């Protein structure tokens, strides 16, 4: 009997150790779901394939879900193309859902409460205009930024936020080109630019404290 009890205890200890190791691998993954790289998608379904947890984005497109090592997140919303994101080292993800315009998709996206009809029309219109814009008339990327982006001030190769933020001694915005952080943008020819925007809303949380003063995001052609 003592031998059996000892064996049972040993097995229980092993189970507890394994359970503890697995539990330590769990982490909360958060992010923002957008469309047209700018507009939040509400009520989008976010499913963790390994934990089985399902959550839905809030009015700002934000979500937080329990995940595990080497997990995959399935993100879907009616009227949009489904995305699958692999969970790696980072804990915050920005997911942009592709919208293909047709009557069925428009009806599903708007009636499903993911985006309002007015906002979706504006998003499509802005996308068309952005793709048609030609910034080649500017002599430098800094001239382009000064002319096209509000709430920033160009000082040499530094781009500073003009919004007042407490304790900011150097309010430089974060520079991101084709979704990669860069130290300067002097290499960018204005004629290469497809779109440029200043992100200073909830989406700036994707870059943590680095995006506290806003993010200058440039997408090249």
C-alpha atoms as a PDB file:
ATOM      1  CA  UNK A   1       0.000   0.000   0.000  1.00  0.00           C
ATOM      2  CA  UNK A   2       2.800   2.379   0.845  1.00  0.00           C
ATOM      3  CA  UNK A   3       4.462   1.579  -2.494  1.00  0.00           C
ATOM      4  CA  UNK A   4       1.233   2.349  -4.349  1.00  0.00           C
ATOM      5  CA  UNK A   5       0.740   5.582  -2.430  1.00  0.00           C
ATOM      6  CA  UNK A   6       4.296   6.636  -3.170  1.00  0.00           C
ATOM      7  CA  UNK A   7       3.797   5.896  -6.847  1.00  0.00           C
ATOM      8  CA  UNK A   8       0.582   7.855  -6.950  1.00  0.00           C
ATOM      9  CA  UNK A   9       2.271  10.797  -5.261  1.00  0.00           C
ATOM     10  CA  UNK A  10       5.133  10.639  -7.753  1.00  0.00           C
ATOM     11  CA  UNK A  11       2.713  10.642 -10.683  1.00  0.00           C
ATOM     12  CA  UNK A  12       0.796  13.566  -9.188  1.00  0.00           C
ATOM     13  CA  UNK A  13       4.002  15.516  -8.719  1.00  0.00           C
ATOM     14  CA  UNK A  14       4.964  14.917 -12.348  1.00  0.00           C
ATOM     15  CA  UNK A  15       1.514  16.048 -13.530  1.00  0.00           C
ATOM     16  CA  UNK A  16       1.746  19.173 -11.411  1.00  0.00           C
ATOM     17  CA  UNK A  17       5.229  19.951 -12.765  1.00  0.00           C
ATOM     18  CA  UNK A  18       4.083  19.493 -16.375  1.00  0.00           C
ATOM     19  CA  UNK A  19       0.939  21.561 -15.745  1.00  0.00           C
ATOM     20  CA  UNK A  20       3.035  24.293 -14.173  1.00  0.00           C
ATOM     21  CA  UNK A  21       5.431  24.339 -17.129  1.00  0.00           C
ATOM     22  CA  UNK A  22       2.533  24.571 -19.595  1.00  0.00           C
ATOM     23  CA  UNK A  23       0.851  27.281 -17.557  1.00  0.00           C
ATOM     24  CA  UNK A  24       4.007  29.363 -17.663  1.00  0.00           C
ATOM     25  CA  UNK A  25       3.869  29.339 -21.472  1.00  0.00           C
ATOM     26  CA  UNK A  26       0.490  31.062 -21.575  1.00  0.00           C
ATOM     27  CA  UNK A  27       0.508  34.781 -22.237  1.00  0.00           C
ATOM     28  CA  UNK A  28      -1.948  37.503 -23.137  1.00  0.00           C
ATOM     29  CA  UNK A  29      -1.602  38.702 -26.705  1.00  0.00           C
ATOM     30  CA  UNK A  30      -3.220  41.982 -27.658  1.00  0.00           C
ATOM     31  CA  UNK A  31      -3.596  43.972 -30.827  1.00  0.00           C
ATOM     32  CA  UNK A  32      -5.711  46.076 -33.135  1.00  0.00           C
ATOM     33  CA  UNK A  33      -7.697  44.942 -36.158  1.00  0.00           C
ATOM     34  CA  UNK A  34      -8.051  47.500 -38.936  1.00  0.00           C
ATOM     35  CA  UNK A  35      -8.944  47.724 -42.582  1.00  0.00           C
ATOM     36  CA  UNK A  36      -7.372  49.982 -45.213  1.00  0.00           C
ATOM     37  CA  UNK A  37      -4.533  50.285 -42.625  1.00  0.00           C
ATOM     38  CA  UNK A  38      -6.411  52.994 -40.788  1.00  0.00           C
ATOM     39  CA  UNK A  39      -9.997  52.162 -39.857  1.00  0.00           C
ATOM     40  CA  UNK A  40     -10.825  49.923 -36.862  1.00  0.00           C
ATOM     41  CA  UNK A  41     -12.869  46.773 -37.445  1.00  0.00           C
ATOM     42  CA  UNK A  42     -15.343  46.221 -34.618  1.00  0.00           C
ATOM     43  CA  UNK A  43     -16.706  42.839 -33.484  1.00  0.00           C
ATOM     44  CA  UNK A  44     -14.024  40.970 -35.439  1.00  0.00           C
ATOM     45  CA  UNK A  45     -13.608  37.395 -34.178  1.00  0.00           C
ATOM     46  CA  UNK A  46     -10.152  36.536 -32.813  1.00  0.00           C
ATOM     47  CA  UNK A  47      -9.625  32.807 -32.190  1.00  0.00           C
ATOM     48  CA  UNK A  48      -6.543  31.256 -30.551  1.00  0.00           C
ATOM     49  CA  UNK A  49      -6.031  27.858 -32.183  1.00  0.00           C
ATOM     50  CA  UNK A  50      -4.056  26.351 -29.275  1.00  0.00           C
ATOM     51  CA  UNK A  51      -5.933  27.714 -26.266  1.00  0.00           C
ATOM     52  CA  UNK A  52      -9.329  27.613 -27.932  1.00  0.00           C
ATOM     53  CA  UNK A  53     -10.192  31.057 -26.589  1.00  0.00           C
ATOM     54  CA  UNK A  54     -12.357  33.357 -28.710  1.00  0.00           C
ATOM     55  CA  UNK A  55     -12.656  37.106 -28.190  1.00  0.00           C
ATOM     56  CA  UNK A  56     -14.099  39.974 -30.224  1.00  0.00           C
ATOM     57  CA  UNK A  57     -12.622  43.393 -30.975  1.00  0.00           C
ATOM     58  CA  UNK A  58     -14.066  46.450 -29.260  1.00  0.00           C
ATOM     59  CA  UNK A  59     -15.189  49.743 -30.811  1.00  0.00           C
ATOM     60  CA  UNK A  60     -11.532  50.744 -31.379  1.00  0.00           C
ATOM     61  CA  UNK A  61     -10.677  47.411 -33.018  1.00  0.00           C
ATOM     62  CA  UNK A  62      -8.642  46.336 -29.974  1.00  0.00           C
ATOM     63  CA  UNK A  63      -8.473  42.824 -28.532  1.00  0.00           C
ATOM     64  CA  UNK A  64      -6.680  40.753 -25.892  1.00  0.00           C
ATOM     65  CA  UNK A  65      -6.624  36.950 -25.998  1.00  0.00           C
ATOM     66  CA  UNK A  66      -4.904  34.167 -24.089  1.00  0.00           C
ATOM     67  CA  UNK A  67      -2.268  32.520 -26.276  1.00  0.00           C
ATOM     68  CA  UNK A  68       0.564  30.026 -26.032  1.00  0.00           C
ATOM     69  CA  UNK A  69       3.944  29.395 -27.630  1.00  0.00           C
ATOM     70  CA  UNK A  70       3.806  28.769 -31.398  1.00  0.00           C
ATOM     71  CA  UNK A  71       0.106  29.586 -31.454  1.00  0.00           C
ATOM     72  CA  UNK A  72      -1.853  30.977 -34.384  1.00  0.00           C
ATOM     73  CA  UNK A  73      -4.587  33.579 -34.235  1.00  0.00           C
ATOM     74  CA  UNK A  74      -7.439  33.388 -36.710  1.00  0.00           C
ATOM     75  CA  UNK A  75      -9.034  36.798 -37.300  1.00  0.00           C
ATOM     76  CA  UNK A  76     -12.274  37.087 -39.238  1.00  0.00           C
ATOM     77  CA  UNK A  77     -15.147  39.487 -39.841  1.00  0.00           C
ATOM     78  CA  UNK A  78     -18.077  39.228 -42.221  1.00  0.00           C
ATOM     79  CA  UNK A  79     -17.307  40.904 -45.552  1.00  0.00           C
ATOM     80  CA  UNK A  80     -13.523  40.805 -45.052  1.00  0.00           C
ATOM     81  CA  UNK A  81     -10.875  38.273 -45.997  1.00  0.00           C
ATOM     82  CA  UNK A  82      -9.811  36.063 -43.099  1.00  0.00           C
ATOM     83  CA  UNK A  83      -6.279  36.484 -41.693  1.00  0.00           C
ATOM     84  CA  UNK A  84      -4.146  34.000 -39.754  1.00  0.00           C
ATOM     85  CA  UNK A  85      -1.312  35.423 -37.658  1.00  0.00           C
ATOM     86  CA  UNK A  86       1.486  33.367 -36.124  1.00  0.00           C
ATOM     87  CA  UNK A  87       2.208  34.280 -32.517  1.00  0.00           C
ATOM     88  CA  UNK A  88       5.917  34.801 -32.009  1.00  0.00           C
ATOM     89  CA  UNK A  89       7.953  36.738 -29.445  1.00  0.00           C
ATOM     90  CA  UNK A  90       6.074  40.015 -29.489  1.00  0.00           C
ATOM     91  CA  UNK A  91       2.879  40.433 -27.492  1.00  0.00           C
ATOM     92  CA  UNK A  92       1.160  43.117 -29.571  1.00  0.00           C
ATOM     93  CA  UNK A  93       0.008  42.691 -33.166  1.00  0.00           C
ATOM     94  CA  UNK A  94      -1.559  44.928 -35.786  1.00  0.00           C
ATOM     95  CA  UNK A  95      -3.789  43.013 -38.178  1.00  0.00           C
ATOM     96  CA  UNK A  96      -5.176  44.633 -41.308  1.00  0.00           C
ATOM     97  CA  UNK A  97      -8.132  42.863 -42.915  1.00  0.00           C
ATOM     98  CA  UNK A  98      -8.491  43.121 -46.678  1.00  0.00           C
ATOM     99  CA  UNK A  99     -11.816  44.329 -47.992  1.00  0.00           C
ATOM    100  CA  UNK A 100     -12.792  43.545 -51.589  1.00  0.00           C
ATOM    101  CA  UNK A 101     -15.630  45.816 -52.649  1.00  0.00           C
ATOM    102  CA  UNK A 102     -18.825  44.228 -53.886  1.00  0.00           C
ATOM    103  CA  UNK A 103     -22.473  44.431 -52.868  1.00  0.00           C
ATOM    104  CA  UNK A 104     -22.387  41.293 -50.714  1.00  0.00           C
ATOM    105  CA  UNK A 105     -19.239  42.242 -48.813  1.00  0.00           C
ATOM    106  CA  UNK A 106     -20.488  45.780 -48.236  1.00  0.00           C
ATOM    107  CA  UNK A 107     -23.760  44.514 -46.802  1.00  0.00           C
ATOM    108  CA  UNK A 108     -22.083  41.912 -44.565  1.00  0.00           C
ATOM    109  CA  UNK A 109     -19.431  44.324 -43.247  1.00  0.00           C
ATOM    110  CA  UNK A 110     -21.897  47.081 -42.399  1.00  0.00           C
ATOM    111  CA  UNK A 111     -24.857  45.000 -41.222  1.00  0.00           C
ATOM    112  CA  UNK A 112     -22.496  42.868 -39.133  1.00  0.00           C
ATOM    113  CA  UNK A 113     -21.557  45.968 -37.157  1.00  0.00           C
ATOM    114  CA  UNK A 114     -17.882  45.802 -38.142  1.00  0.00           C
ATOM    115  CA  UNK A 115     -17.766  49.234 -39.752  1.00  0.00           C
ATOM    116  CA  UNK A 116     -20.362  51.878 -40.611  1.00  0.00           C
ATOM    117  CA  UNK A 117     -21.420  52.420 -44.212  1.00  0.00           C
ATOM    118  CA  UNK A 118     -20.174  56.019 -44.191  1.00  0.00           C
ATOM    119  CA  UNK A 119     -16.759  55.072 -42.818  1.00  0.00           C
ATOM    120  CA  UNK A 120     -16.360  52.194 -45.279  1.00  0.00           C
ATOM    121  CA  UNK A 121     -17.194  54.462 -48.221  1.00  0.00           C
ATOM    122  CA  UNK A 122     -14.691  57.029 -46.936  1.00  0.00           C
ATOM    123  CA  UNK A 123     -12.035  54.327 -46.524  1.00  0.00           C
ATOM    124  CA  UNK A 124     -12.494  53.171 -50.118  1.00  0.00           C
ATOM    125  CA  UNK A 125     -12.452  56.735 -51.425  1.00  0.00           C
ATOM    126  CA  UNK A 126      -9.321  57.628 -49.424  1.00  0.00           C
ATOM    127  CA  UNK A 127      -7.611  54.495 -50.724  1.00  0.00           C
ATOM    128  CA  UNK A 128      -8.322  55.424 -54.323  1.00  0.00           C
ATOM    129  CA  UNK A 129      -7.077  58.978 -53.803  1.00  0.00           C
ATOM    130  CA  UNK A 130      -3.923  57.806 -51.987  1.00  0.00           C
ATOM    131  CA  UNK A 131      -3.020  55.456 -54.801  1.00  0.00           C
ATOM    132  CA  UNK A 132      -3.445  58.251 -57.341  1.00  0.00           C
ATOM    133  CA  UNK A 133      -1.437  60.889 -55.460  1.00  0.00           C
ATOM    134  CA  UNK A 134       1.964  61.834 -56.787  1.00  0.00           C
ATOM    135  CA  UNK A 135       4.387  63.321 -54.265  1.00  0.00           C
ATOM    136  CA  UNK A 136       7.210  63.705 -56.780  1.00  0.00           C
ATOM    137  CA  UNK A 137       6.680  67.473 -56.844  1.00  0.00           C
ATOM    138  CA  UNK A 138       8.376  67.781 -53.457  1.00  0.00           C
ATOM    139  CA  UNK A 139      12.153  68.282 -53.369  1.00  0.00           C
ATOM    140  CA  UNK A 140      12.714  66.087 -50.314  1.00  0.00           C
ATOM    141  CA  UNK A 141      10.880  63.764 -47.962  1.00  0.00           C
ATOM    142  CA  UNK A 142      11.107  66.421 -45.242  1.00  0.00           C
ATOM    143  CA  UNK A 143       9.423  68.992 -47.484  1.00  0.00           C
ATOM    144  CA  UNK A 144       6.699  66.424 -48.128  1.00  0.00           C
ATOM    145  CA  UNK A 145       6.214  65.810 -44.389  1.00  0.00           C
ATOM    146  CA  UNK A 146       6.036  69.546 -43.655  1.00  0.00           C
ATOM    147  CA  UNK A 147       3.400  70.085 -46.321  1.00  0.00           C
ATOM    148  CA  UNK A 148       1.267  66.981 -45.883  1.00  0.00           C
ATOM    149  CA  UNK A 149       1.377  66.045 -42.183  1.00  0.00           C
ATOM    150  CA  UNK A 150      -0.230  68.095 -39.435  1.00  0.00           C
ATOM    151  CA  UNK A 151       0.809  68.110 -35.781  1.00  0.00           C
ATOM    152  CA  UNK A 152       4.508  67.654 -36.571  1.00  0.00           C
ATOM    153  CA  UNK A 153       7.449  70.003 -36.963  1.00  0.00           C
ATOM    154  CA  UNK A 154      10.527  69.193 -39.043  1.00  0.00           C
ATOM    155  CA  UNK A 155      13.835  70.151 -37.441  1.00  0.00           C
ATOM    156  CA  UNK A 156      16.710  69.022 -39.649  1.00  0.00           C
ATOM    157  CA  UNK A 157      16.330  65.256 -39.867  1.00  0.00           C
ATOM    158  CA  UNK A 158      14.151  65.115 -36.755  1.00  0.00           C
ATOM    159  CA  UNK A 159      10.372  65.084 -36.915  1.00  0.00           C
ATOM    160  CA  UNK A 160       8.784  66.331 -33.713  1.00  0.00           C
ATOM    161  CA  UNK A 161       5.236  66.103 -32.457  1.00  0.00           C
ATOM    162  CA  UNK A 162       3.635  69.478 -31.776  1.00  0.00           C
ATOM    163  CA  UNK A 163       1.108  67.971 -29.373  1.00  0.00           C
ATOM    164  CA  UNK A 164       1.852  68.762 -25.741  1.00  0.00           C
ATOM    165  CA  UNK A 165       2.815  65.683 -23.732  1.00  0.00           C
ATOM    166  CA  UNK A 166       3.943  65.718 -20.130  1.00  0.00           C
ATOM    167  CA  UNK A 167       7.593  65.020 -19.352  1.00  0.00           C
ATOM    168  CA  UNK A 168       8.558  64.926 -23.032  1.00  0.00           C
ATOM    169  CA  UNK A 169      12.004  66.442 -23.533  1.00  0.00           C
ATOM    170  CA  UNK A 170      12.489  65.207 -27.099  1.00  0.00           C
ATOM    171  CA  UNK A 171       9.030  64.640 -28.639  1.00  0.00           C
ATOM    172  CA  UNK A 172      10.299  62.865 -31.744  1.00  0.00           C
ATOM    173  CA  UNK A 173       7.789  60.708 -33.563  1.00  0.00           C
ATOM    174  CA  UNK A 174       8.644  57.114 -34.418  1.00  0.00           C
ATOM    175  CA  UNK A 175       9.619  56.644 -38.073  1.00  0.00           C
ATOM    176  CA  UNK A 176       8.224  53.552 -39.809  1.00  0.00           C
ATOM    177  CA  UNK A 177       8.760  52.760 -43.499  1.00  0.00           C
ATOM    178  CA  UNK A 178       6.953  49.758 -44.973  1.00  0.00           C
ATOM    179  CA  UNK A 179       6.178  48.643 -41.388  1.00  0.00           C
ATOM    180  CA  UNK A 180       9.846  48.670 -40.364  1.00  0.00           C
ATOM    181  CA  UNK A 181      11.252  51.091 -37.806  1.00  0.00           C
ATOM    182  CA  UNK A 182      14.030  53.299 -39.207  1.00  0.00           C
ATOM    183  CA  UNK A 183      16.296  55.881 -37.601  1.00  0.00           C
ATOM    184  CA  UNK A 184      15.816  58.457 -40.379  1.00  0.00           C
ATOM    185  CA  UNK A 185      13.910  58.826 -43.638  1.00  0.00           C
ATOM    186  CA  UNK A 186      16.370  60.861 -45.666  1.00  0.00           C
ATOM    187  CA  UNK A 187      16.803  57.913 -48.073  1.00  0.00           C
ATOM    188  CA  UNK A 188      13.150  58.100 -49.147  1.00  0.00           C
ATOM    189  CA  UNK A 189      12.544  59.844 -52.465  1.00  0.00           C
ATOM    190  CA  UNK A 190       9.155  61.628 -52.419  1.00  0.00           C
ATOM    191  CA  UNK A 191       8.314  60.003 -55.739  1.00  0.00           C
ATOM    192  CA  UNK A 192       8.507  56.568 -54.107  1.00  0.00           C
ATOM    193  CA  UNK A 193       5.799  57.356 -51.560  1.00  0.00           C
ATOM    194  CA  UNK A 194       2.409  55.698 -51.996  1.00  0.00           C
ATOM    195  CA  UNK A 195       0.936  56.890 -48.696  1.00  0.00           C
ATOM    196  CA  UNK A 196       2.041  58.769 -45.599  1.00  0.00           C
ATOM    197  CA  UNK A 197       0.224  59.326 -42.303  1.00  0.00           C
ATOM    198  CA  UNK A 198       0.719  60.288 -38.686  1.00  0.00           C
ATOM    199  CA  UNK A 199      -0.641  57.691 -36.276  1.00  0.00           C
ATOM    200  CA  UNK A 200      -1.345  59.091 -32.825  1.00  0.00           C
ATOM    201  CA  UNK A 201      -4.425  57.105 -31.818  1.00  0.00           C
ATOM    202  CA  UNK A 202      -4.882  53.639 -30.297  1.00  0.00           C
ATOM    203  CA  UNK A 203      -2.856  52.061 -33.110  1.00  0.00           C
ATOM    204  CA  UNK A 204       0.317  53.700 -31.789  1.00  0.00           C
ATOM    205  CA  UNK A 205       0.210  51.196 -28.906  1.00  0.00           C
ATOM    206  CA  UNK A 206       1.500  48.601 -31.369  1.00  0.00           C
ATOM    207  CA  UNK A 207       4.976  50.005 -30.781  1.00  0.00           C
ATOM    208  CA  UNK A 208       4.677  50.436 -27.021  1.00  0.00           C
ATOM    209  CA  UNK A 209       6.409  53.418 -25.439  1.00  0.00           C
ATOM    210  CA  UNK A 210       8.332  54.049 -28.681  1.00  0.00           C
ATOM    211  CA  UNK A 211       5.097  55.259 -30.272  1.00  0.00           C
ATOM    212  CA  UNK A 212       4.144  57.571 -27.391  1.00  0.00           C
ATOM    213  CA  UNK A 213       4.709  60.713 -29.482  1.00  0.00           C
ATOM    214  CA  UNK A 214       3.023  59.285 -32.553  1.00  0.00           C
ATOM    215  CA  UNK A 215       4.196  57.302 -35.552  1.00  0.00           C
ATOM    216  CA  UNK A 216       5.038  58.666 -38.973  1.00  0.00           C
ATOM    217  CA  UNK A 217       4.140  55.772 -41.235  1.00  0.00           C
ATOM    218  CA  UNK A 218       5.266  55.709 -44.858  1.00  0.00           C
ATOM    219  CA  UNK A 219       4.270  53.087 -47.393  1.00  0.00           C
ATOM    220  CA  UNK A 220       6.338  52.966 -50.575  1.00  0.00           C
ATOM    221  CA  UNK A 221       5.077  52.148 -54.051  1.00  0.00           C
END
